Each structure stands twice: as C-alpha cells, then as structure tokens.
Amino acid sequence: MPTRIVAFSGNTRRPSRTRTLVEAVASEVARLRPIELKIYDLVDAGTGIAVESRSALPLPAARIVEAIEGADALIIGSPVYKGSYSGLFKHLIDFVGPEALIGKPVVLTATGGGPRHALVVEHSLRPLFGFFSAQTVPTSVYAGDTEIADGRVADALVRARVAQAAGELARLIDAAAPNEALPRAAAAR
C-alpha cells in the first residue's frame, strides 16, 4: 500500500519556489518508494482563514488541515518572511490537533531571499513541529533565490540535500510501519 504523503507549501501565489522545493522532495521520495501524494499551497485555503476556531474555517482550509492530520508523512515548506514563516502559514498550522502529528515523519523545507534566512528551518520550523512531537528528519532543505530557477532546483548542493532528506523520510516511514499505532496509542493514554 502506498504511503500517504501530504506536502504543504506556505506560499500565497503560484508558481512559487517553495512549491518547487516541496515537489522536488516528493519526487525523490516517490523514486524511493510508492507514495500517494497530495500537495496543497496556502493559497488553496482560500480567503477567510483568519477565524478564531477550527469549526469556523472555510471548507478548503478545513480540508487541508484534515489532510495534514490524516497523512502518513508530511513534507512542509514555507517561504521566509522577515526571518520566519508567514503568519498565515502558522495560523493554519495552529488548527492542526496536537495529537495528530505525534510520531509523524516530516521533512522541513524553506525558501528565502538569500543565505541569511537559511537557519529559519532550525530556529522556527523545527521547534514548531517539535511542539507537535512530530519526527522531523535530521536534514532540512533551504533554497535561496538563486538556487531554484525555471521551476526546478538548479543548485547541486540543494539537490543533494533534497535527496538526503527524502532518503531519511523513506527510512523513517519504513521504521514506523510495523509500529504505526504505537505513538498515537501512547498519546491517547
């Protein structure tokens, strides 16, 4: 049975470098194992996501949250705005149930204007998914404005990190498969 992977890109327009990066990771994972992939962008959530409760989310946004919760693994990407992920990206993630991501394998990616934003994955995204007790892979992927061109990852070092992160995700998925119910069962106690 293919692994259900949801890739969520925090971009607000298309095309986007962030979407390109999460697609590159997903393609590499698909090369390693059978997957069922769904990709969502923040723009897919539609307007009206600035609500105070999950029950008030517009249907497109609610479906994204449900897909994130129901996935076997995640590929997360965010553009960097002023040294962090965007507020709307975080707002949508705030509606994810804390127990839904316990033990879930996750690849973290980000895109930004240059090297000064490279640590956003470690300083912003990794702690966010640590709160959820998700299993983030050790290798994160960051791409600056010159490392993605013409809708593809153009930089060899970034491509190598994409391959490394995808391999780590595949290994985490394989390791979790026999014990899949354990993390969520422990959380229910």
Protein backbone atom coordinates (compact mmCIF):
# COMPACT_ATOMS: atom_id res chain seq x y z
CA MET A 1 0.00 0.00 0.00
CA PRO A 2 1.46 3.41 -0.91
CA THR A 3 2.36 5.82 1.85
CA ARG A 4 0.00 8.81 2.05
CA ILE A 5 2.17 11.91 1.94
CA VAL A 6 0.85 15.44 2.19
CA ALA A 7 3.11 18.24 1.03
CA PHE A 8 2.07 21.64 2.35
CA SER A 9 3.67 24.76 0.95
CA GLY A 10 3.06 28.06 2.71
CA ASN A 11 3.11 30.07 -0.49
CA THR A 12 0.40 32.55 -1.36
CA ARG A 13 0.87 32.51 -5.14
CA ARG A 14 1.77 30.22 -7.99
CA PRO A 15 4.24 29.46 -9.35
CA SER A 16 6.41 29.53 -6.27
CA ARG A 17 9.91 28.46 -5.35
CA THR A 18 8.58 26.90 -2.14
CA ARG A 19 6.20 24.67 -4.11
CA THR A 20 9.06 23.72 -6.42
CA LEU A 21 11.16 22.67 -3.42
CA VAL A 22 8.46 20.54 -1.77
CA GLU A 23 7.70 18.94 -5.14
CA ALA A 24 11.40 18.08 -5.55
CA VAL A 25 11.44 16.33 -2.17
CA ALA A 26 8.20 14.50 -3.01
CA SER A 27 9.58 13.36 -6.38
CA GLU A 28 12.68 11.98 -4.71
CA VAL A 29 10.61 10.13 -2.10
CA ALA A 30 8.45 8.70 -4.92
CA ARG A 31 11.61 7.43 -6.59
CA LEU A 32 12.45 5.51 -3.41
CA ARG A 33 9.04 4.05 -2.54
CA PRO A 34 5.39 4.00 -3.66
CA ILE A 35 3.51 7.05 -2.39
CA GLU A 36 0.11 8.65 -2.71
CA LEU A 37 0.86 12.36 -2.84
CA LYS A 38 -1.36 15.37 -2.23
CA ILE A 39 0.15 18.83 -2.48
CA TYR A 40 -1.50 21.89 -1.01
CA ASP A 41 -0.45 25.51 -1.06
CA LEU A 42 -1.56 28.08 1.48
CA VAL A 43 -3.34 29.82 -1.39
CA ASP A 44 -5.58 26.71 -1.67
CA ALA A 45 -7.04 27.52 1.76
CA GLY A 46 -8.90 30.39 0.17
CA THR A 47 -9.92 33.62 1.76
CA GLY A 48 -11.43 33.90 5.16
CA ILE A 49 -8.96 31.76 7.14
CA ALA A 50 -8.49 34.49 9.75
CA VAL A 51 -11.01 32.84 12.07
CA GLU A 52 -10.72 32.00 15.74
CA SER A 53 -11.89 28.39 15.73
CA ARG A 54 -11.39 25.34 13.58
CA SER A 55 -15.14 24.96 13.14
CA ALA A 56 -15.23 28.41 11.51
CA LEU A 57 -12.61 27.54 8.85
CA PRO A 58 -13.79 27.72 5.26
CA LEU A 59 -14.13 24.26 3.71
CA PRO A 60 -10.94 24.43 1.58
CA ALA A 61 -8.84 25.30 4.64
CA ALA A 62 -10.54 22.64 6.78
CA ARG A 63 -9.71 20.03 4.12
CA ILE A 64 -6.04 21.00 4.20
CA VAL A 65 -5.94 20.64 7.99
CA GLU A 66 -7.69 17.26 7.77
CA ALA A 67 -5.27 16.09 5.07
CA ILE A 68 -2.27 17.10 7.19
CA GLU A 69 -3.70 15.22 10.18
CA GLY A 70 -4.55 12.12 8.14
CA ALA A 71 -1.28 11.77 6.25
CA ASP A 72 1.29 9.08 7.00
CA ALA A 73 4.08 11.61 6.47
CA LEU A 74 4.49 15.30 5.66
CA ILE A 75 6.69 17.50 3.52
CA ILE A 76 6.40 21.05 4.83
CA GLY A 77 7.69 24.15 3.10
CA SER A 78 7.49 27.81 3.93
CA PRO A 79 8.73 30.95 2.30
CA VAL A 80 10.69 33.12 4.72
CA TYR A 81 9.22 36.48 5.65
CA LYS A 82 11.35 38.71 7.87
CA GLY A 83 13.25 35.81 9.37
CA SER A 84 10.38 33.36 9.97
CA TYR A 85 7.47 31.53 8.38
CA SER A 86 4.45 33.64 7.48
CA GLY A 87 1.71 34.40 9.96
CA LEU A 88 -0.96 32.81 7.74
CA PHE A 89 1.11 29.62 7.44
CA LYS A 90 1.35 29.45 11.24
CA HIS A 91 -2.32 30.31 11.66
CA LEU A 92 -3.38 27.35 9.51
CA ILE A 93 -0.97 25.00 11.35
CA ASP A 94 -2.49 26.24 14.63
CA PHE A 95 -5.71 24.41 13.69
CA VAL A 96 -3.93 21.03 13.48
CA GLY A 97 -4.76 18.89 16.50
CA PRO A 98 -1.66 18.49 18.70
CA GLU A 99 -2.14 14.72 18.97
CA ALA A 100 -2.46 14.29 15.18
CA LEU A 101 1.25 14.72 14.44
CA ILE A 102 2.76 12.67 17.28
CA GLY A 103 5.48 10.49 15.74
CA LYS A 104 4.58 11.55 12.18
CA PRO A 105 7.63 11.72 9.88
CA VAL A 106 8.17 15.22 8.49
CA VAL A 107 10.63 16.86 6.09
CA LEU A 108 11.11 20.59 6.68
CA THR A 109 11.95 22.96 3.83
CA ALA A 110 12.07 26.71 3.30
CA THR A 111 12.89 29.24 0.63
CA GLY A 112 14.15 32.76 1.11
CA GLY A 113 15.88 35.68 -0.46
CA GLY A 114 19.40 34.57 0.39
CA PRO A 115 21.69 32.79 2.83
CA ARG A 116 20.79 34.97 5.81
CA HIS A 117 17.44 33.14 6.02
CA ALA A 118 18.88 29.62 5.94
CA LEU A 119 18.51 28.97 9.68
CA VAL A 120 14.75 29.63 9.68
CA VAL A 121 14.17 25.90 9.39
CA GLU A 122 16.15 25.20 12.56
CA HIS A 123 15.00 28.26 14.52
CA SER A 124 11.32 28.39 13.51
CA LEU A 125 10.01 25.29 11.72
CA ARG A 126 11.79 22.58 13.74
CA PRO A 127 10.57 23.96 17.12
CA LEU A 128 7.04 24.30 15.72
CA PHE A 129 6.89 20.64 14.70
CA GLY A 130 8.73 19.66 17.88
CA PHE A 131 5.76 21.07 19.79
CA PHE A 132 3.60 18.53 17.94
CA SER A 133 6.07 15.70 18.77
CA ALA A 134 6.46 15.02 15.06
CA GLN A 135 9.54 13.13 13.90
CA THR A 136 11.35 15.65 11.75
CA VAL A 137 14.11 14.20 9.63
CA PRO A 138 17.61 15.39 10.52
CA THR A 139 18.27 17.01 7.15
CA SER A 140 16.30 20.14 6.35
CA VAL A 141 16.37 21.83 2.96
CA TYR A 142 16.72 25.55 2.38
CA ALA A 143 16.98 27.22 -1.03
CA GLY A 144 17.82 30.86 -1.67
CA ASP A 145 16.61 32.93 -4.56
CA THR A 146 19.33 31.78 -6.98
CA GLU A 147 19.12 28.06 -6.16
CA ILE A 148 15.73 27.48 -7.78
CA ALA A 149 15.32 28.60 -11.38
CA ASP A 150 12.87 27.88 -14.16
CA GLY A 151 10.69 25.71 -11.93
CA ARG A 152 13.45 23.35 -10.81
CA VAL A 153 16.12 23.05 -8.16
CA ALA A 154 19.15 24.40 -10.02
CA ASP A 155 21.82 24.11 -7.32
CA ALA A 156 23.67 20.79 -6.95
CA LEU A 157 24.12 21.17 -3.17
CA VAL A 158 20.41 21.81 -2.66
CA ARG A 159 19.61 18.80 -4.87
CA ALA A 160 21.90 16.69 -2.67
CA ARG A 161 20.07 17.89 0.47
CA VAL A 162 16.73 17.09 -1.21
CA ALA A 163 17.94 13.54 -1.86
CA GLN A 164 19.29 13.19 1.68
CA ALA A 165 16.07 14.44 3.30
CA ALA A 166 13.92 12.23 1.06
CA GLY A 167 16.02 9.19 1.94
CA GLU A 168 15.69 9.97 5.64
CA LEU A 169 11.92 10.32 5.27
CA ALA A 170 11.68 6.98 3.46
CA ARG A 171 13.69 5.29 6.24
CA LEU A 172 11.50 6.84 8.95
CA ILE A 173 8.37 5.67 7.14
CA ASP A 174 9.81 2.16 6.86
CA ALA A 175 10.81 2.13 10.54
CA ALA A 176 7.38 3.37 11.67
CA ALA A 177 5.34 0.95 9.56
CA PRO A 178 5.40 -2.07 11.92
CA ASN A 179 4.72 0.10 14.99
CA GLU A 180 2.42 2.63 13.35
CA ALA A 181 -0.20 2.57 16.10
CA LEU A 182 2.26 2.98 18.97
CA PRO A 183 2.81 6.76 19.03
CA ARG A 184 -0.87 7.62 18.73
CA ALA A 185 -1.90 4.92 21.22
CA ALA A 186 0.56 6.30 23.77
CA ALA A 187 -0.84 9.79 23.26
CA ALA A 188 -4.36 8.56 23.95
CA ARG A 189 -3.45 7.46 27.50
